[in-house]
Protein backbone atom coordinates (compact mmCIF):
# COMPACT_ATOMS: atom_id res chain seq x y z
CA MET A 1 67.48 47.98 23.24
CA LYS A 2 70.86 47.00 22.11
CA HIS A 3 71.44 46.00 18.33
CA PRO A 4 73.02 42.07 18.13
CA LEU A 5 75.15 43.83 15.92
CA PHE A 6 76.78 46.00 18.42
CA ARG A 7 77.28 43.18 20.83
CA LEU A 8 79.26 41.43 17.98
CA ILE A 9 81.77 44.61 16.79
CA GLY A 10 82.37 45.01 20.59
CA ALA A 11 83.30 41.37 21.09
CA ALA A 12 85.24 41.42 18.01
CA ALA A 13 87.08 44.38 19.46
CA SER A 14 87.80 42.83 22.77
CA ALA A 15 89.20 39.78 21.16
CA ALA A 16 91.50 41.73 19.17
CA ILE A 17 92.80 43.80 22.08
CA LEU A 18 93.29 40.72 24.35
CA ILE A 19 95.16 39.14 21.24
CA THR A 20 97.31 41.89 20.95
CA SER A 21 98.45 42.43 24.42
CA THR A 22 99.25 38.73 24.97
CA LEU A 23 101.34 38.27 21.76
CA SER A 24 103.07 41.92 22.82
CA ALA A 25 103.89 40.16 26.30
CA ALA A 26 105.06 37.08 24.86
CA ASP A 27 107.64 38.84 21.98
CA PRO A 28 110.58 40.08 24.23
CA ALA A 29 111.69 42.40 21.45
CA SER A 30 108.74 44.42 21.87
CA ALA A 31 109.04 44.44 25.63
CA PRO A 32 109.71 48.10 27.31
CA GLY A 33 113.36 49.03 27.92
CA THR A 34 114.27 46.80 24.87
CA SER A 35 115.49 47.69 21.37
CA GLN A 36 114.57 46.49 18.26
CA THR A 37 117.94 46.44 16.35
CA THR A 38 117.62 44.67 13.00
CA LYS A 39 115.57 46.09 10.01
CA LYS A 40 112.85 43.77 8.67
CA GLY A 41 113.00 43.76 4.97
CA SER A 42 110.17 44.46 2.53
CA SER A 43 109.36 42.76 -1.18
CA HIS A 44 107.68 45.87 -2.18
CA ALA A 45 108.86 47.39 -4.93
CA TYR A 46 109.32 50.86 -5.41
CA PRO A 47 110.19 53.43 -8.45
CA PHE A 48 113.83 55.21 -8.92
CA ARG A 49 115.35 57.14 -11.45
CA GLY A 50 118.66 58.92 -12.07
CA THR A 51 121.91 59.05 -14.18
CA VAL A 52 124.78 55.93 -13.85
CA ASP A 53 127.53 57.51 -12.41
CA ALA A 54 129.57 54.06 -12.45
CA VAL A 55 129.02 50.01 -12.85
CA SER A 56 130.98 47.48 -11.58
CA SER A 57 130.24 44.07 -13.01
CA SER A 58 132.24 42.30 -10.86
CA ALA A 59 130.89 43.64 -7.56
CA MET A 60 127.36 43.56 -9.33
CA THR A 61 126.50 47.07 -8.78
CA ILE A 62 125.08 50.33 -10.59
CA THR A 63 126.21 53.66 -8.97
CA LEU A 64 123.79 56.45 -9.65
CA ASP A 65 124.85 59.75 -9.20
CA GLY A 66 122.70 62.16 -6.58
CA LYS A 67 122.56 65.57 -5.30
CA LYS A 68 123.43 64.88 -1.52
CA THR A 69 125.01 61.31 -1.96
CA GLU A 70 125.56 58.74 -4.10
CA ARG A 71 123.20 55.51 -4.51
CA VAL A 72 124.51 52.18 -4.87
CA LEU A 73 122.21 49.74 -6.50
CA HIS A 74 122.88 45.81 -6.31
CA VAL A 75 122.12 43.64 -9.29
CA THR A 76 121.17 39.78 -8.66
CA ALA A 77 120.54 37.10 -11.41
CA GLU A 78 116.62 38.09 -11.00
CA SER A 79 116.96 41.64 -11.77
CA VAL A 80 115.74 42.70 -15.22
CA LEU A 81 117.78 44.84 -17.09
CA GLU A 82 117.02 46.90 -20.40
CA LYS A 83 118.93 49.13 -22.99
CA ASP A 84 117.19 50.68 -25.17
CA GLY A 85 114.42 48.42 -25.20
CA LYS A 86 116.32 45.39 -25.45
CA PRO A 87 117.41 43.11 -22.80
CA ALA A 88 120.83 44.21 -21.74
CA LYS A 89 123.62 42.61 -19.19
CA ILE A 90 125.56 44.68 -16.65
CA GLU A 91 128.20 44.84 -18.72
CA GLU A 92 126.36 47.01 -21.41
CA ILE A 93 125.52 49.80 -19.23
CA THR A 94 127.57 52.85 -19.24
CA SER A 95 128.37 56.05 -17.34
CA GLY A 96 126.10 58.38 -17.94
CA ASP A 97 122.94 56.51 -19.23
CA TYR A 98 119.96 57.52 -18.01
CA ALA A 99 118.16 55.04 -15.32
CA ARG A 100 114.63 54.10 -14.39
CA GLY A 101 113.18 51.47 -12.74
CA LEU A 102 111.74 49.45 -9.97
CA LEU A 103 113.62 48.71 -6.27
CA SER A 104 113.64 46.75 -3.42
CA LYS A 105 114.72 46.30 0.07
CA PRO A 106 114.36 42.64 0.88
CA ASP A 107 117.17 42.20 3.83
CA GLY A 108 116.35 45.92 5.09
CA SER A 109 119.81 47.53 3.98
CA ARG A 110 120.57 47.44 0.47
CA GLU A 111 118.76 48.21 -2.38
CA ILE A 112 118.20 45.40 -4.72
CA LEU A 113 117.26 46.20 -8.84
CA VAL A 114 114.20 44.42 -9.74
CA LYS A 115 113.79 45.69 -13.25
CA ALA A 116 115.41 48.95 -14.72
CA THR A 117 115.66 51.01 -18.29
CA PHE A 118 118.62 52.40 -19.30
CA GLY A 119 119.23 54.77 -22.40
CA PRO A 120 119.11 58.84 -23.24
CA LYS A 121 117.10 60.78 -20.78
CA PRO A 122 113.45 61.35 -21.88
CA ASP A 123 112.43 64.43 -23.37
CA LYS A 124 110.47 66.52 -20.65
CA LYS A 125 106.64 66.16 -20.96
CA GLY A 126 106.55 70.21 -20.92
CA GLU A 127 108.73 70.81 -24.00
CA LYS A 128 106.42 68.38 -26.69
CA LYS A 129 103.63 71.14 -25.28
CA ALA A 130 105.86 74.24 -25.85
CA THR A 131 106.84 73.09 -29.53
CA ALA A 132 103.27 72.28 -30.71
CA THR A 133 101.92 75.88 -31.65
CA LYS A 134 98.45 76.25 -32.12
CA ALA A 135 97.09 78.98 -34.82
CA PRO A 136 95.88 82.17 -32.98
CA ALA A 137 91.97 82.01 -33.35
CA ALA A 138 90.76 84.50 -35.47
CA SER A 139 87.99 87.18 -34.11
CA ASP A 140 85.12 88.41 -36.07
CA THR A 141 85.56 92.14 -36.47
CA ALA A 142 82.83 93.61 -38.58
CA SER A 143 82.56 96.75 -39.63
CA ASN A 144 79.51 98.09 -40.67
């Protein structure tokens, strides 16, 4: 005896397969033998951090120093910049500032600065633990 839920799930799966095969056949870019050359952008923001190497207020870019290559971040009118906890303009950002924040790639190629904070590099969490020392526990040694 077959349960009606299994029939419903099977019908939904069949419909999904039929729809995706119909859509892929109608899309010439996904046809076999063709390649898709354009990158799709994403409004998904992702984190970054690094040290500022150069700032260009005329080109509206901030370049971060990298281990392998430099990273160019594009500043837009919607970008939110802060320096030392206060709102800042691109002209106030200097080489050597530590930067951290969020980026996005809406056009698929350029990294657009969504929000960034600039200033001195924060202390590492491990250093705070090392400076806080605990008194050694006293052991109970009773002599009889």
